[in-house]
Every structure is written in structure tokens, then in C-alpha cells.
């Protein structure tokens, strides 16, 4: 990350294989953002296979994201 930051001043987001709160917390210490993709898609797929409706799928993803972000400090307001 230090090497990347030496070459740009744009925000840097990191994400590959992120599926646990501990990973989100570790990456958030060194990056400006954390990308979670496959783990969310997996939750959606699991819920669909289980026969969940759209409200239940949204609830499952919302719960998962709440778990991932628990313990993170909110970003300071901009502007």
C-alpha cells in the first residue's frame, strides 16, 4: 500500500477474498475502502437456493454487511 500511495493521491480500495470482519478491519487500517463482492454474491445464492424471497435475501445481505463492518469507526464528514 505504501508503494501504491507513493504513485497516486486517489483513494485506494482493496478487495480479494474478503469475507470476515477481521479482514475488513485489517484492510481498513491501510486502505481507504474495502471491496466485498464474491462473499455477498455467495450469500445471495445461498438464500436463493434456500427459497428465500427478495426481502429475506436483502435482510441476509444486510446482516452480513453489519457483521463485516462491526467495530469500524465511521468516516469523518466531508465538505
N, C-alpha and C. Protein backbone atom coordinates (compact mmCIF):
# COMPACT_ATOMS: atom_id res chain seq x y z
N UNK A 1 0.82 -1.18 0.00
CA UNK A 1 0.00 0.00 0.00
C UNK A 1 0.87 1.25 0.00
N UNK A 2 1.95 1.22 0.73
CA UNK A 2 2.82 2.39 0.77
C UNK A 2 3.36 2.70 -0.63
N UNK A 3 3.72 1.67 -1.37
CA UNK A 3 4.23 1.86 -2.73
C UNK A 3 3.15 2.44 -3.63
N UNK A 4 1.95 1.95 -3.54
CA UNK A 4 0.85 2.48 -4.35
C UNK A 4 0.60 3.94 -3.99
N UNK A 5 0.58 4.25 -2.70
CA UNK A 5 0.33 5.63 -2.27
C UNK A 5 1.41 6.60 -2.75
N UNK A 6 2.62 6.11 -2.95
CA UNK A 6 3.69 6.98 -3.47
C UNK A 6 3.40 7.43 -4.90
N UNK A 7 2.54 6.69 -5.61
CA UNK A 7 2.30 6.97 -7.02
C UNK A 7 0.95 7.62 -7.31
N UNK A 8 0.12 7.78 -6.31
CA UNK A 8 -1.21 8.36 -6.55
C UNK A 8 -1.74 9.01 -5.28
N UNK A 9 -2.63 9.96 -5.49
CA UNK A 9 -3.30 10.56 -4.34
C UNK A 9 -4.80 10.25 -4.35
N UNK A 10 -5.22 9.37 -5.24
CA UNK A 10 -6.63 8.97 -5.27
C UNK A 10 -6.88 7.93 -4.17
N UNK A 11 -8.11 7.84 -3.69
CA UNK A 11 -8.41 6.83 -2.67
C UNK A 11 -8.12 5.41 -3.19
N UNK A 12 -7.63 4.59 -2.30
CA UNK A 12 -7.25 3.22 -2.66
C UNK A 12 -8.17 2.24 -1.94
N UNK A 13 -8.79 1.37 -2.73
CA UNK A 13 -9.66 0.34 -2.18
C UNK A 13 -9.04 -1.02 -2.46
N UNK A 14 -9.22 -1.93 -1.53
CA UNK A 14 -8.62 -3.26 -1.63
C UNK A 14 -9.72 -4.30 -1.45
N UNK A 15 -9.66 -5.33 -2.27
CA UNK A 15 -10.63 -6.40 -2.09
C UNK A 15 -10.30 -7.62 -2.92
N UNK A 16 -10.10 -8.70 -2.27
CA UNK A 16 -9.96 -10.00 -2.92
C UNK A 16 -10.07 -11.05 -1.83
N UNK A 17 -11.11 -11.83 -1.87
CA UNK A 17 -11.30 -12.86 -0.85
C UNK A 17 -11.72 -12.33 0.50
N UNK A 18 -12.33 -11.16 0.54
CA UNK A 18 -12.74 -10.58 1.81
C UNK A 18 -14.09 -11.17 2.21
N UNK A 19 -14.12 -11.82 3.38
CA UNK A 19 -15.37 -12.45 3.82
C UNK A 19 -15.54 -12.46 5.34
N UNK A 20 -14.59 -11.85 6.05
CA UNK A 20 -14.65 -11.86 7.52
C UNK A 20 -14.42 -10.46 8.06
N UNK A 21 -15.04 -10.18 9.20
CA UNK A 21 -14.89 -8.87 9.84
C UNK A 21 -13.43 -8.57 10.15
N UNK A 22 -12.68 -9.56 10.55
CA UNK A 22 -11.26 -9.33 10.88
C UNK A 22 -10.47 -8.88 9.65
N UNK A 23 -10.84 -9.40 8.48
CA UNK A 23 -10.18 -8.98 7.24
C UNK A 23 -10.54 -7.54 6.90
N UNK A 24 -11.81 -7.19 7.06
CA UNK A 24 -12.25 -5.82 6.79
C UNK A 24 -11.52 -4.86 7.72
N UNK A 25 -11.43 -5.20 8.99
CA UNK A 25 -10.76 -4.33 9.95
C UNK A 25 -9.29 -4.17 9.61
N UNK A 26 -8.62 -5.25 9.26
CA UNK A 26 -7.19 -5.18 8.93
C UNK A 26 -6.95 -4.33 7.69
N UNK A 27 -7.74 -4.53 6.66
CA UNK A 27 -7.55 -3.78 5.42
C UNK A 27 -7.93 -2.32 5.60
N UNK A 28 -8.96 -2.06 6.41
CA UNK A 28 -9.38 -0.67 6.60
C UNK A 28 -8.31 0.17 7.29
N UNK A 29 -7.37 -0.47 7.94
CA UNK A 29 -6.27 0.27 8.58
C UNK A 29 -5.27 0.80 7.56
N UNK A 30 -5.20 0.17 6.38
CA UNK A 30 -4.19 0.57 5.40
C UNK A 30 -4.78 1.08 4.09
N UNK A 31 -6.06 0.89 3.88
CA UNK A 31 -6.70 1.32 2.63
C UNK A 31 -7.85 2.27 2.94
N UNK A 32 -8.28 2.97 1.91
CA UNK A 32 -9.39 3.90 2.06
C UNK A 32 -10.75 3.21 1.96
N UNK A 33 -10.76 2.03 1.39
CA UNK A 33 -12.00 1.29 1.25
C UNK A 33 -11.74 -0.19 1.12
N UNK A 34 -12.76 -0.96 1.43
CA UNK A 34 -12.68 -2.42 1.36
C UNK A 34 -13.78 -2.89 0.41
N UNK A 35 -13.43 -3.73 -0.54
CA UNK A 35 -14.39 -4.23 -1.52
C UNK A 35 -14.75 -5.66 -1.16
N UNK A 36 -16.04 -5.90 -1.06
CA UNK A 36 -16.53 -7.25 -0.80
C UNK A 36 -17.48 -7.59 -1.93
N UNK A 37 -17.16 -8.59 -2.71
CA UNK A 37 -18.01 -8.96 -3.84
C UNK A 37 -18.50 -10.38 -3.77
N UNK A 38 -17.58 -11.31 -3.93
CA UNK A 38 -17.95 -12.72 -4.00
C UNK A 38 -18.68 -13.21 -2.77
N UNK A 39 -18.30 -12.72 -1.61
CA UNK A 39 -18.95 -13.16 -0.38
C UNK A 39 -20.41 -12.71 -0.34
N UNK A 40 -20.70 -11.54 -0.89
CA UNK A 40 -22.08 -11.07 -0.97
C UNK A 40 -22.86 -11.91 -1.97
N UNK A 41 -22.27 -12.16 -3.11
CA UNK A 41 -22.92 -12.99 -4.14
C UNK A 41 -23.20 -14.38 -3.57
N UNK A 42 -22.27 -14.91 -2.80
CA UNK A 42 -22.46 -16.23 -2.18
C UNK A 42 -23.66 -16.21 -1.23
N UNK A 43 -23.79 -15.16 -0.43
CA UNK A 43 -24.94 -15.04 0.48
C UNK A 43 -26.25 -15.00 -0.31
N UNK A 44 -26.25 -14.23 -1.38
CA UNK A 44 -27.46 -14.15 -2.21
C UNK A 44 -27.80 -15.52 -2.79
N UNK A 45 -26.80 -16.20 -3.33
CA UNK A 45 -27.02 -17.53 -3.91
C UNK A 45 -27.52 -18.52 -2.88
N UNK A 46 -26.92 -18.52 -1.70
CA UNK A 46 -27.36 -19.43 -0.63
C UNK A 46 -28.81 -19.17 -0.25
N UNK A 47 -29.17 -17.89 -0.15
CA UNK A 47 -30.54 -17.54 0.22
C UNK A 47 -31.52 -17.96 -0.88
N UNK A 48 -31.13 -17.77 -2.13
CA UNK A 48 -32.00 -18.17 -3.24
C UNK A 48 -32.19 -19.68 -3.27
N UNK A 49 -31.11 -20.42 -3.06
CA UNK A 49 -31.20 -21.88 -3.03
C UNK A 49 -32.13 -22.34 -1.91
N UNK A 50 -32.10 -21.61 -0.79
CA UNK A 50 -32.96 -21.95 0.34
C UNK A 50 -34.41 -21.52 0.11
N UNK A 51 -34.67 -20.86 -1.02
CA UNK A 51 -36.03 -20.46 -1.35
C UNK A 51 -36.46 -19.14 -0.76
N UNK A 52 -35.51 -18.34 -0.32
CA UNK A 52 -35.83 -17.06 0.30
C UNK A 52 -36.38 -16.09 -0.73
N UNK A 53 -37.30 -15.26 -0.29
CA UNK A 53 -37.82 -14.19 -1.14
C UNK A 53 -36.88 -13.00 -1.12
N UNK A 54 -37.22 -12.00 -1.90
CA UNK A 54 -36.32 -10.85 -2.04
C UNK A 54 -36.10 -10.12 -0.72
N UNK A 55 -37.12 -9.99 0.11
CA UNK A 55 -36.94 -9.32 1.41
C UNK A 55 -35.97 -10.09 2.30
N UNK A 56 -36.08 -11.40 2.29
CA UNK A 56 -35.17 -12.23 3.11
C UNK A 56 -33.75 -12.18 2.57
N UNK A 57 -33.61 -12.10 1.26
CA UNK A 57 -32.27 -12.00 0.65
C UNK A 57 -31.63 -10.68 1.05
N UNK A 58 -32.39 -9.59 0.95
CA UNK A 58 -31.87 -8.28 1.36
C UNK A 58 -31.50 -8.30 2.83
N UNK A 59 -32.33 -8.91 3.65
CA UNK A 59 -32.04 -9.00 5.09
C UNK A 59 -30.77 -9.79 5.35
N UNK A 60 -30.57 -10.89 4.63
CA UNK A 60 -29.36 -11.71 4.81
C UNK A 60 -28.11 -10.93 4.44
N UNK A 61 -28.17 -10.20 3.34
CA UNK A 61 -27.01 -9.41 2.91
C UNK A 61 -26.77 -8.26 3.89
N UNK A 62 -27.83 -7.61 4.33
CA UNK A 62 -27.70 -6.52 5.29
C UNK A 62 -27.07 -7.00 6.59
N UNK A 63 -27.51 -8.16 7.06
CA UNK A 63 -26.93 -8.73 8.28
C UNK A 63 -25.46 -9.05 8.09
N UNK A 64 -25.11 -9.62 6.95
CA UNK A 64 -23.72 -9.95 6.65
C UNK A 64 -22.86 -8.69 6.63
N UNK A 65 -23.35 -7.63 5.98
CA UNK A 65 -22.58 -6.39 5.93
C UNK A 65 -22.44 -5.76 7.31
N UNK A 66 -23.45 -5.88 8.13
CA UNK A 66 -23.37 -5.38 9.51
C UNK A 66 -22.30 -6.14 10.28
N UNK A 67 -22.23 -7.45 10.07
CA UNK A 67 -21.18 -8.26 10.72
C UNK A 67 -19.80 -7.82 10.25
N UNK A 68 -19.65 -7.61 8.94
CA UNK A 68 -18.35 -7.23 8.40
C UNK A 68 -17.88 -5.88 8.91
N UNK A 69 -18.80 -4.95 9.08
CA UNK A 69 -18.43 -3.60 9.44
C UNK A 69 -18.46 -3.32 10.94
N UNK A 70 -18.86 -4.28 11.73
CA UNK A 70 -18.90 -4.09 13.18
C UNK A 70 -17.48 -3.73 13.67
N UNK A 71 -17.41 -2.70 14.46
CA UNK A 71 -16.12 -2.30 15.02
C UNK A 71 -15.37 -1.28 14.20
N UNK A 72 -15.86 -0.95 13.02
CA UNK A 72 -15.19 0.07 12.23
C UNK A 72 -15.64 1.45 12.69
N UNK A 73 -14.73 2.37 12.68
CA UNK A 73 -15.08 3.75 13.01
C UNK A 73 -15.70 4.40 11.78
N UNK A 74 -16.73 5.22 11.95
CA UNK A 74 -17.28 5.92 10.79
C UNK A 74 -16.29 6.93 10.25
N UNK A 75 -16.37 7.18 8.96
CA UNK A 75 -15.51 8.19 8.34
C UNK A 75 -15.93 9.56 8.81
N UNK A 76 -14.98 10.46 8.95
CA UNK A 76 -15.35 11.83 9.33
C UNK A 76 -16.16 12.46 8.19
N UNK A 77 -17.08 13.36 8.52
CA UNK A 77 -17.88 14.01 7.47
C UNK A 77 -16.98 14.84 6.55
N UNK A 78 -17.35 14.89 5.29
CA UNK A 78 -16.59 15.70 4.34
C UNK A 78 -17.40 16.94 3.98
N UNK A 79 -16.71 17.94 3.49
CA UNK A 79 -17.43 19.08 2.98
C UNK A 79 -17.26 20.26 3.79
